[in-house]
């Protein structure tokens, strides 16, 4: 679930840039991207907490190292793309 939210956050950020380059209002897309990024982090944490409560240690050791890197990538890309839209708006 969290991977879908992360990809949706990046997609909303890209749409934000595209709409901004077309001269349209982008604040809703920026909000959606940042909200989806926050929901991604919450969903990832929730998934890890659920596995700890279920004592699924094998699942944690298999999934967490790789997926935490993917989460970092999604969050960093979302921040960078939203930053680009803010810089383009001020220019």
PDB file of N, CA and C in Angstrom:
ATOM      1  N   UNK A   1       0.817  -1.198   0.000  1.00  0.00           N
ATOM      2  CA  UNK A   1       0.000   0.000   0.000  1.00  0.00           C
ATOM      3  C   UNK A   1       0.860   1.261   0.000  1.00  0.00           C
ATOM      4  N   UNK A   2       1.912   1.219   0.816  1.00  0.00           N
ATOM      5  CA  UNK A   2       2.731   2.419   0.923  1.00  0.00           C
ATOM      6  C   UNK A   2       3.479   2.715  -0.363  1.00  0.00           C
ATOM      7  N   UNK A   3       3.810   1.678  -1.127  1.00  0.00           N
ATOM      8  CA  UNK A   3       4.499   1.909  -2.399  1.00  0.00           C
ATOM      9  C   UNK A   3       3.572   2.627  -3.375  1.00  0.00           C
ATOM     10  N   UNK A   4       2.298   2.245  -3.390  1.00  0.00           N
ATOM     11  CA  UNK A   4       1.335   2.926  -4.258  1.00  0.00           C
ATOM     12  C   UNK A   4       1.160   4.387  -3.853  1.00  0.00           C
ATOM     13  N   UNK A   5       1.112   4.633  -2.560  1.00  0.00           N
ATOM     14  CA  UNK A   5       0.994   6.015  -2.084  1.00  0.00           C
ATOM     15  C   UNK A   5       2.219   6.837  -2.479  1.00  0.00           C
ATOM     16  N   UNK A   6       3.395   6.233  -2.386  1.00  0.00           N
ATOM     17  CA  UNK A   6       4.620   6.933  -2.772  1.00  0.00           C
ATOM     18  C   UNK A   6       4.650   7.260  -4.253  1.00  0.00           C
ATOM     19  N   UNK A   7       4.244   6.308  -5.069  1.00  0.00           N
ATOM     20  CA  UNK A   7       4.201   6.559  -6.512  1.00  0.00           C
ATOM     21  C   UNK A   7       3.143   7.602  -6.862  1.00  0.00           C
ATOM     22  N   UNK A   8       2.013   7.572  -6.145  1.00  0.00           N
ATOM     23  CA  UNK A   8       0.974   8.582  -6.369  1.00  0.00           C
ATOM     24  C   UNK A   8       1.474   9.968  -5.966  1.00  0.00           C
ATOM     25  N   UNK A   9       2.274  10.042  -4.909  1.00  0.00           N
ATOM     26  CA  UNK A   9       2.840  11.327  -4.488  1.00  0.00           C
ATOM     27  C   UNK A   9       3.767  11.887  -5.557  1.00  0.00           C
ATOM     28  N   UNK A  10       4.588  11.028  -6.142  1.00  0.00           N
ATOM     29  CA  UNK A  10       5.490  11.477  -7.205  1.00  0.00           C
ATOM     30  C   UNK A  10       4.696  11.885  -8.434  1.00  0.00           C
ATOM     31  N   UNK A  11       3.661  11.111  -8.762  1.00  0.00           N
ATOM     32  CA  UNK A  11       2.825  11.457  -9.920  1.00  0.00           C
ATOM     33  C   UNK A  11       2.145  12.811  -9.711  1.00  0.00           C
ATOM     34  N   UNK A  12       1.638  13.062  -8.511  1.00  0.00           N
ATOM     35  CA  UNK A  12       0.999  14.353  -8.228  1.00  0.00           C
ATOM     36  C   UNK A  12       2.005  15.491  -8.337  1.00  0.00           C
ATOM     37  N   UNK A  13       3.241  15.247  -7.929  1.00  0.00           N
ATOM     38  CA  UNK A  13       4.268  16.279  -8.039  1.00  0.00           C
ATOM     39  C   UNK A  13       4.611  16.566  -9.501  1.00  0.00           C
ATOM     40  N   UNK A  14       4.666  15.521 -10.314  1.00  0.00           N
ATOM     41  CA  UNK A  14       4.950  15.714 -11.743  1.00  0.00           C
ATOM     42  C   UNK A  14       3.801  16.467 -12.415  1.00  0.00           C
ATOM     43  N   UNK A  15       2.565  16.104 -12.079  1.00  0.00           N
ATOM     44  CA  UNK A  15       1.405  16.825 -12.621  1.00  0.00           C
ATOM     45  C   UNK A  15       1.456  18.283 -12.178  1.00  0.00           C
ATOM     46  N   UNK A  16       1.910  18.514 -10.962  1.00  0.00           N
ATOM     47  CA  UNK A  16       2.068  19.869 -10.444  1.00  0.00           C
ATOM     48  C   UNK A  16       2.994  20.684 -11.343  1.00  0.00           C
ATOM     49  N   UNK A  17       4.116  20.109 -11.729  1.00  0.00           N
ATOM     50  CA  UNK A  17       5.061  20.820 -12.599  1.00  0.00           C
ATOM     51  C   UNK A  17       4.472  21.040 -13.985  1.00  0.00           C
ATOM     52  N   UNK A  18       3.814  20.014 -14.521  1.00  0.00           N
ATOM     53  CA  UNK A  18       3.230  20.134 -15.863  1.00  0.00           C
ATOM     54  C   UNK A  18       2.162  21.221 -15.882  1.00  0.00           C
ATOM     55  N   UNK A  19       1.281  21.207 -14.910  1.00  0.00           N
ATOM     56  CA  UNK A  19       0.223  22.219 -14.854  1.00  0.00           C
ATOM     57  C   UNK A  19       0.799  23.613 -14.613  1.00  0.00           C
ATOM     58  N   UNK A  20       1.843  23.689 -13.812  1.00  0.00           N
ATOM     59  CA  UNK A  20       2.487  24.975 -13.577  1.00  0.00           C
ATOM     60  C   UNK A  20       3.123  25.535 -14.835  1.00  0.00           C
ATOM     61  N   UNK A  21       3.701  24.658 -15.650  1.00  0.00           N
ATOM     62  CA  UNK A  21       4.303  25.132 -16.898  1.00  0.00           C
ATOM     63  C   UNK A  21       3.245  25.562 -17.907  1.00  0.00           C
ATOM     64  N   UNK A  22       2.018  25.081 -17.727  1.00  0.00           N
ATOM     65  CA  UNK A  22       0.914  25.488 -18.595  1.00  0.00           C
ATOM     66  C   UNK A  22       0.229  26.750 -18.072  1.00  0.00           C
ATOM     67  N   UNK A  23       0.688  27.254 -16.923  1.00  0.00           N
ATOM     68  CA  UNK A  23       0.131  28.480 -16.366  1.00  0.00           C
ATOM     69  C   UNK A  23      -1.108  28.272 -15.522  1.00  0.00           C
ATOM     70  N   UNK A  24      -1.376  27.062 -15.122  1.00  0.00           N
ATOM     71  CA  UNK A  24      -2.563  26.779 -14.300  1.00  0.00           C
ATOM     72  C   UNK A  24      -2.203  26.772 -12.819  1.00  0.00           C
ATOM     73  N   UNK A  25      -3.230  26.841 -11.989  1.00  0.00           N
ATOM     74  CA  UNK A  25      -3.059  26.832 -10.536  1.00  0.00           C
ATOM     75  C   UNK A  25      -2.577  25.448 -10.093  1.00  0.00           C
ATOM     76  N   UNK A  26      -1.562  25.413  -9.248  1.00  0.00           N
ATOM     77  CA  UNK A  26      -0.961  24.134  -8.871  1.00  0.00           C
ATOM     78  C   UNK A  26      -0.992  23.840  -7.376  1.00  0.00           C
ATOM     79  N   UNK A  27      -1.565  24.721  -6.576  1.00  0.00           N
ATOM     80  CA  UNK A  27      -1.476  24.515  -5.130  1.00  0.00           C
ATOM     81  C   UNK A  27      -2.160  23.229  -4.679  1.00  0.00           C
ATOM     82  N   UNK A  28      -3.207  22.795  -5.360  1.00  0.00           N
ATOM     83  CA  UNK A  28      -3.892  21.561  -4.966  1.00  0.00           C
ATOM     84  C   UNK A  28      -3.050  20.331  -5.272  1.00  0.00           C
ATOM     85  N   UNK A  29      -2.342  20.353  -6.386  1.00  0.00           N
ATOM     86  CA  UNK A  29      -1.463  19.235  -6.722  1.00  0.00           C
ATOM     87  C   UNK A  29      -0.283  19.171  -5.756  1.00  0.00           C
ATOM     88  N   UNK A  30       0.240  20.324  -5.380  1.00  0.00           N
ATOM     89  CA  UNK A  30       1.339  20.370  -4.415  1.00  0.00           C
ATOM     90  C   UNK A  30       0.876  19.822  -3.076  1.00  0.00           C
ATOM     91  N   UNK A  31      -0.316  20.230  -2.651  1.00  0.00           N
ATOM     92  CA  UNK A  31      -0.863  19.715  -1.393  1.00  0.00           C
ATOM     93  C   UNK A  31      -1.062  18.207  -1.472  1.00  0.00           C
ATOM     94  N   UNK A  32      -1.620  17.732  -2.590  1.00  0.00           N
ATOM     95  CA  UNK A  32      -1.851  16.294  -2.754  1.00  0.00           C
ATOM     96  C   UNK A  32      -0.539  15.526  -2.697  1.00  0.00           C
ATOM     97  N   UNK A  33       0.486  16.049  -3.333  1.00  0.00           N
ATOM     98  CA  UNK A  33       1.777  15.371  -3.334  1.00  0.00           C
ATOM     99  C   UNK A  33       2.364  15.288  -1.930  1.00  0.00           C
ATOM    100  N   UNK A  34       2.325  16.382  -1.202  1.00  0.00           N
ATOM    101  CA  UNK A  34       2.875  16.374   0.151  1.00  0.00           C
ATOM    102  C   UNK A  34       2.037  15.513   1.097  1.00  0.00           C
ATOM    103  N   UNK A  35       0.712  15.546   0.930  1.00  0.00           N
ATOM    104  CA  UNK A  35      -0.156  14.714   1.765  1.00  0.00           C
ATOM    105  C   UNK A  35       0.074  13.231   1.477  1.00  0.00           C
ATOM    106  N   UNK A  36       0.209  12.884   0.207  1.00  0.00           N
ATOM    107  CA  UNK A  36       0.464  11.489  -0.150  1.00  0.00           C
ATOM    108  C   UNK A  36       1.835  11.030   0.339  1.00  0.00           C
ATOM    109  N   UNK A  37       2.800  11.930   0.341  1.00  0.00           N
ATOM    110  CA  UNK A  37       4.119  11.588   0.878  1.00  0.00           C
ATOM    111  C   UNK A  37       4.021  11.282   2.370  1.00  0.00           C
ATOM    112  N   UNK A  38       3.287  12.103   3.103  1.00  0.00           N
ATOM    113  CA  UNK A  38       3.105  11.861   4.539  1.00  0.00           C
ATOM    114  C   UNK A  38       2.357  10.550   4.782  1.00  0.00           C
ATOM    115  N   UNK A  39       1.345  10.285   3.969  1.00  0.00           N
ATOM    116  CA  UNK A  39       0.593   9.035   4.113  1.00  0.00           C
ATOM    117  C   UNK A  39       1.467   7.829   3.777  1.00  0.00           C
ATOM    118  N   UNK A  40       2.404   7.990   2.854  1.00  0.00           N
ATOM    119  CA  UNK A  40       3.331   6.915   2.517  1.00  0.00           C
ATOM    120  C   UNK A  40       4.190   6.547   3.715  1.00  0.00           C
ATOM    121  N   UNK A  41       4.733   7.554   4.375  1.00  0.00           N
ATOM    122  CA  UNK A  41       5.572   7.306   5.546  1.00  0.00           C
ATOM    123  C   UNK A  41       4.757   6.637   6.650  1.00  0.00           C
ATOM    124  N   UNK A  42       3.539   7.098   6.875  1.00  0.00           N
ATOM    125  CA  UNK A  42       2.672   6.495   7.899  1.00  0.00           C
ATOM    126  C   UNK A  42       2.326   5.050   7.558  1.00  0.00           C
ATOM    127  N   UNK A  43       2.028   4.779   6.298  1.00  0.00           N
ATOM    128  CA  UNK A  43       1.690   3.417   5.882  1.00  0.00           C
ATOM    129  C   UNK A  43       2.888   2.485   6.032  1.00  0.00           C
ATOM    130  N   UNK A  44       4.079   2.967   5.710  1.00  0.00           N
ATOM    131  CA  UNK A  44       5.282   2.155   5.861  1.00  0.00           C
ATOM    132  C   UNK A  44       5.523   1.823   7.330  1.00  0.00           C
ATOM    133  N   UNK A  45       5.408   2.824   8.187  1.00  0.00           N
ATOM    134  CA  UNK A  45       5.591   2.608   9.617  1.00  0.00           C
ATOM    135  C   UNK A  45       4.537   1.636  10.150  1.00  0.00           C
ATOM    136  N   UNK A  46       3.299   1.795   9.701  1.00  0.00           N
ATOM    137  CA  UNK A  46       2.214   0.921  10.135  1.00  0.00           C
ATOM    138  C   UNK A  46       2.465  -0.525   9.719  1.00  0.00           C
ATOM    139  N   UNK A  47       2.974  -0.710   8.508  1.00  0.00           N
ATOM    140  CA  UNK A  47       3.286  -2.061   8.034  1.00  0.00           C
ATOM    141  C   UNK A  47       4.368  -2.699   8.904  1.00  0.00           C
ATOM    142  N   UNK A  48       5.397  -1.942   9.222  1.00  0.00           N
ATOM    143  CA  UNK A  48       6.453  -2.463  10.085  1.00  0.00           C
ATOM    144  C   UNK A  48       5.944  -2.778  11.480  1.00  0.00           C
ATOM    145  N   UNK A  49       5.109  -1.904  12.029  1.00  0.00           N
ATOM    146  CA  UNK A  49       4.552  -2.133  13.363  1.00  0.00           C
ATOM    147  C   UNK A  49       3.659  -3.369  13.385  1.00  0.00           C
ATOM    148  N   UNK A  50       2.887  -3.552  12.317  1.00  0.00           N
ATOM    149  CA  UNK A  50       2.022  -4.732  12.233  1.00  0.00           C
ATOM    150  C   UNK A  50       2.857  -6.014  12.219  1.00  0.00           C
ATOM    151  N   UNK A  51       3.963  -5.995  11.497  1.00  0.00           N
ATOM    152  CA  UNK A  51       4.835  -7.174  11.439  1.00  0.00           C
ATOM    153  C   UNK A  51       5.502  -7.443  12.789  1.00  0.00           C
ATOM    154  N   UNK A  52       5.854  -6.392  13.519  1.00  0.00           N
ATOM    155  CA  UNK A  52       6.447  -6.573  14.844  1.00  0.00           C
ATOM    156  C   UNK A  52       5.424  -7.194  15.786  1.00  0.00           C
ATOM    157  N   UNK A  53       4.187  -6.684  15.768  1.00  0.00           N
ATOM    158  CA  UNK A  53       3.148  -7.235  16.644  1.00  0.00           C
ATOM    159  C   UNK A  53       2.845  -8.691  16.315  1.00  0.00           C
ATOM    160  N   UNK A  54       2.935  -9.039  15.038  1.00  0.00           N
ATOM    161  CA  UNK A  54       2.698 -10.424  14.627  1.00  0.00           C
ATOM    162  C   UNK A  54       3.947 -11.286  14.814  1.00  0.00           C
ATOM    163  N   UNK A  55       5.022 -10.667  15.285  1.00  0.00           N
ATOM    164  CA  UNK A  55       6.314 -11.330  15.460  1.00  0.00           C
ATOM    165  C   UNK A  55       6.778 -12.012  14.176  1.00  0.00           C
ATOM    166  N   UNK A  56       6.578 -11.318  13.072  1.00  0.00           N
ATOM    167  CA  UNK A  56       7.005 -11.805  11.758  1.00  0.00           C
ATOM    168  C   UNK A  56       8.424 -11.309  11.494  1.00  0.00           C
ATOM    169  N   UNK A  57       9.377 -11.885  12.226  1.00  0.00           N
ATOM    170  CA  UNK A  57      10.755 -11.412  12.137  1.00  0.00           C
ATOM    171  C   UNK A  57      11.364 -11.706  10.765  1.00  0.00           C
ATOM    172  N   UNK A  58      10.999 -12.837  10.176  1.00  0.00           N
ATOM    173  CA  UNK A  58      11.520 -13.148   8.842  1.00  0.00           C
ATOM    174  C   UNK A  58      11.013 -12.143   7.814  1.00  0.00           C
ATOM    175  N   UNK A  59       9.744 -11.773   7.926  1.00  0.00           N
ATOM    176  CA  UNK A  59       9.186 -10.775   7.021  1.00  0.00           C
ATOM    177  C   UNK A  59       9.871  -9.427   7.178  1.00  0.00           C
ATOM    178  N   UNK A  60      10.150  -9.064   8.423  1.00  0.00           N
ATOM    179  CA  UNK A  60      10.842  -7.796   8.677  1.00  0.00           C
ATOM    180  C   UNK A  60      12.251  -7.799   8.094  1.00  0.00           C
ATOM    181  N   UNK A  61      12.975  -8.891   8.308  1.00  0.00           N
ATOM    182  CA  UNK A  61      14.350  -8.931   7.800  1.00  0.00           C
ATOM    183  C   UNK A  61      14.398  -9.029   6.288  1.00  0.00           C
ATOM    184  N   UNK A  62      13.372  -9.591   5.670  1.00  0.00           N
ATOM    185  CA  UNK A  62      13.335  -9.681   4.210  1.00  0.00           C
ATOM    186  C   UNK A  62      12.940  -8.356   3.571  1.00  0.00           C
ATOM    187  N   UNK A  63      11.948  -7.690   4.142  1.00  0.00           N
ATOM    188  CA  UNK A  63      11.327  -6.547   3.475  1.00  0.00           C
ATOM    189  C   UNK A  63      11.928  -5.208   3.890  1.00  0.00           C
ATOM    190  N   UNK A  64      12.158  -4.996   5.160  1.00  0.00           N
ATOM    191  CA  UNK A  64      12.504  -3.662   5.649  1.00  0.00           C
ATOM    192  C   UNK A  64      13.782  -3.062   5.056  1.00  0.00           C
ATOM    193  N   UNK A  65      14.882  -3.786   4.948  1.00  0.00           N
ATOM    194  CA  UNK A  65      16.090  -3.133   4.408  1.00  0.00           C
ATOM    195  C   UNK A  65      15.908  -2.603   2.984  1.00  0.00           C
ATOM    196  N   UNK A  66      15.310  -3.395   2.123  1.00  0.00           N
ATOM    197  CA  UNK A  66      15.130  -2.973   0.731  1.00  0.00           C
ATOM    198  C   UNK A  66      14.033  -1.928   0.603  1.00  0.00           C
ATOM    199  N   UNK A  67      12.917  -2.155   1.252  1.00  0.00           N
ATOM    200  CA  UNK A  67      11.787  -1.252   1.105  1.00  0.00           C
ATOM    201  C   UNK A  67      12.022   0.086   1.788  1.00  0.00           C
ATOM    202  N   UNK A  68      12.831   0.112   2.833  1.00  0.00           N
ATOM    203  CA  UNK A  68      13.124   1.407   3.446  1.00  0.00           C
ATOM    204  C   UNK A  68      13.924   2.277   2.483  1.00  0.00           C
ATOM    205  N   UNK A  69      14.793   1.661   1.687  1.00  0.00           N
ATOM    206  CA  UNK A  69      15.522   2.424   0.664  1.00  0.00           C
ATOM    207  C   UNK A  69      14.563   2.955  -0.395  1.00  0.00           C
ATOM    208  N   UNK A  70      13.596   2.134  -0.791  1.00  0.00           N
ATOM    209  CA  UNK A  70      12.602   2.581  -1.776  1.00  0.00           C
ATOM    210  C   UNK A  70      11.778   3.735  -1.218  1.00  0.00           C
ATOM    211  N   UNK A  71      11.448   3.681   0.057  1.00  0.00           N
ATOM    212  CA  UNK A  71      10.701   4.769   0.692  1.00  0.00           C
ATOM    213  C   UNK A  71      11.523   6.056   0.691  1.00  0.00           C
ATOM    214  N   UNK A  72      12.796   5.955   1.008  1.00  0.00           N
ATOM    215  CA  UNK A  72      13.669   7.134   0.962  1.00  0.00           C
ATOM    216  C   UNK A  72      13.685   7.738  -0.431  1.00  0.00           C
ATOM    217  N   UNK A  73      13.784   6.899  -1.447  1.00  0.00           N
ATOM    218  CA  UNK A  73      13.804   7.394  -2.826  1.00  0.00           C
ATOM    219  C   UNK A  73      12.503   8.119  -3.147  1.00  0.00           C
ATOM    220  N   UNK A  74      11.369   7.511  -2.798  1.00  0.00           N
ATOM    221  CA  UNK A  74      10.069   8.134  -3.086  1.00  0.00           C
ATOM    222  C   UNK A  74       9.932   9.483  -2.384  1.00  0.00           C
ATOM    223  N   UNK A  75      10.332   9.555  -1.130  1.00  0.00           N
ATOM    224  CA  UNK A  75      10.210  10.803  -0.374  1.00  0.00           C
ATOM    225  C   UNK A  75      11.152  11.869  -0.931  1.00  0.00           C
ATOM    226  N   UNK A  76      12.388  11.496  -1.231  1.00  0.00           N
ATOM    227  CA  UNK A  76      13.347  12.469  -1.763  1.00  0.00           C
ATOM    228  C   UNK A  76      12.909  12.983  -3.125  1.00  0.00           C
ATOM    229  N   UNK A  77      12.441  12.088  -3.989  1.00  0.00           N
ATOM    230  CA  UNK A  77      11.968  12.521  -5.308  1.00  0.00           C
ATOM    231  C   UNK A  77      10.773  13.453  -5.163  1.00  0.00           C
ATOM    232  N   UNK A  78       9.858  13.131  -4.262  1.00  0.00           N
ATOM    233  CA  UNK A  78       8.692  13.987  -4.047  1.00  0.00           C
ATOM    234  C   UNK A  78       9.112  15.374  -3.562  1.00  0.00           C
ATOM    235  N   UNK A  79      10.053  15.431  -2.645  1.00  0.00           N
ATOM    236  CA  UNK A  79      10.534  16.718  -2.139  1.00  0.00           C
ATOM    237  C   UNK A  79      11.212  17.511  -3.251  1.00  0.00           C
ATOM    238  N   UNK A  80      12.063  16.855  -4.024  1.00  0.00           N
ATOM    239  CA  UNK A  80      12.768  17.551  -5.106  1.00  0.00           C
ATOM    240  C   UNK A  80      11.816  18.074  -6.170  1.00  0.00           C
ATOM    241  N   UNK A  81      10.862  17.250  -6.563  1.00  0.00           N
ATOM    242  CA  UNK A  81       9.930  17.675  -7.607  1.00  0.00           C
ATOM    243  C   UNK A  81       9.049  18.816  -7.109  1.00  0.00           C
ATOM    244  N   UNK A  82       8.605  18.748  -5.859  1.00  0.00           N
ATOM    245  CA  UNK A  82       7.825  19.857  -5.305  1.00  0.00           C
ATOM    246  C   UNK A  82       8.684  21.103  -5.163  1.00  0.00           C
ATOM    247  N   UNK A  83       9.950  20.931  -4.841  1.00  0.00           N
ATOM    248  CA  UNK A  83      10.858  22.073  -4.777  1.00  0.00           C
ATOM    249  C   UNK A  83      11.041  22.726  -6.131  1.00  0.00           C
ATOM    250  N   UNK A  84      11.118  21.911  -7.178  1.00  0.00           N
ATOM    251  CA  UNK A  84      11.232  22.450  -8.537  1.00  0.00           C
ATOM    252  C   UNK A  84      10.013  23.297  -8.867  1.00  0.00           C
ATOM    253  N   UNK A  85       8.841  22.814  -8.496  1.00  0.00           N
ATOM    254  CA  UNK A  85       7.625  23.576  -8.802  1.00  0.00           C
ATOM    255  C   UNK A  85       7.596  24.906  -8.053  1.00  0.00           C
ATOM    256  N   UNK A  86       8.120  24.934  -6.840  1.00  0.00           N
ATOM    257  CA  UNK A  86       8.169  26.193  -6.085  1.00  0.00           C
ATOM    258  C   UNK A  86       9.162  27.168  -6.707  1.00  0.00           C
ATOM    259  N   UNK A  87      10.304  26.665  -7.146  1.00  0.00           N
ATOM    260  CA  UNK A  87      11.309  27.527  -7.770  1.00  0.00           C
ATOM    261  C   UNK A  87      10.783  28.077  -9.092  1.00  0.00           C
ATOM    262  N   UNK A  88      10.110  27.226  -9.869  1.00  0.00           N
ATOM    263  CA  UNK A  88       9.559  27.679 -11.145  1.00  0.00           C
ATOM    264  C   UNK A  88       8.475  28.730 -10.930  1.00  0.00           C
ATOM    265  N   UNK A  89       7.709  28.581  -9.843  1.00  0.00           N
ATOM    266  CA  UNK A  89       6.629  29.531  -9.575  1.00  0.00           C
ATOM    267  C   UNK A  89       7.185  30.911  -9.218  1.00  0.00           C
ATOM    268  N   UNK A  90       8.294  30.954  -8.481  1.00  0.00           N
ATOM    269  CA  UNK A  90       8.886  32.232  -8.079  1.00  0.00           C
ATOM    270  C   UNK A  90       9.617  32.912  -9.225  1.00  0.00           C
ATOM    271  N   UNK A  91      10.072  32.133 -10.190  1.00  0.00           N
ATOM    272  CA  UNK A  91      10.835  32.708 -11.313  1.00  0.00           C
ATOM    273  C   UNK A  91       9.935  33.376 -12.329  1.00  0.00           C
TER     274      UNK A  91
END
